[in-house]
């Protein structure tokens, strides 16, 4: 017996074992506060990598990512993206099932006028 699309997606969620980090990686360059530094002549410091994300209260925040940890952070952000895609697909399958269930029950559950 073949697995349903919903079950395939659920199995995909269960296989996600990587550490997940919600957010995105961005790089920036900076100028410092020393007036005679090379960065004030156009040779800015960086690039420096940050994980940018929304906090639980909806504010934007950023976390510095040291170069030695960049590969780990990239993998974690990619794992979140896979998790998100599977969740979106699973929600679509669920919506389709709701619509099918409504059609089979007839008009008794129709939207109120």
Foldseek 3Di string as FASTA:
>chain_A
DDDDPLVVLVVVLVPLPAAADPFDKDWDWADDDDPPDCVVVPPTDDRWIWGWDADPVGDIDIDTDDPVCVVSNVVRHVSVVSVVVSVVVSVVVVVVVVVVVDVVVPCPPPDDD
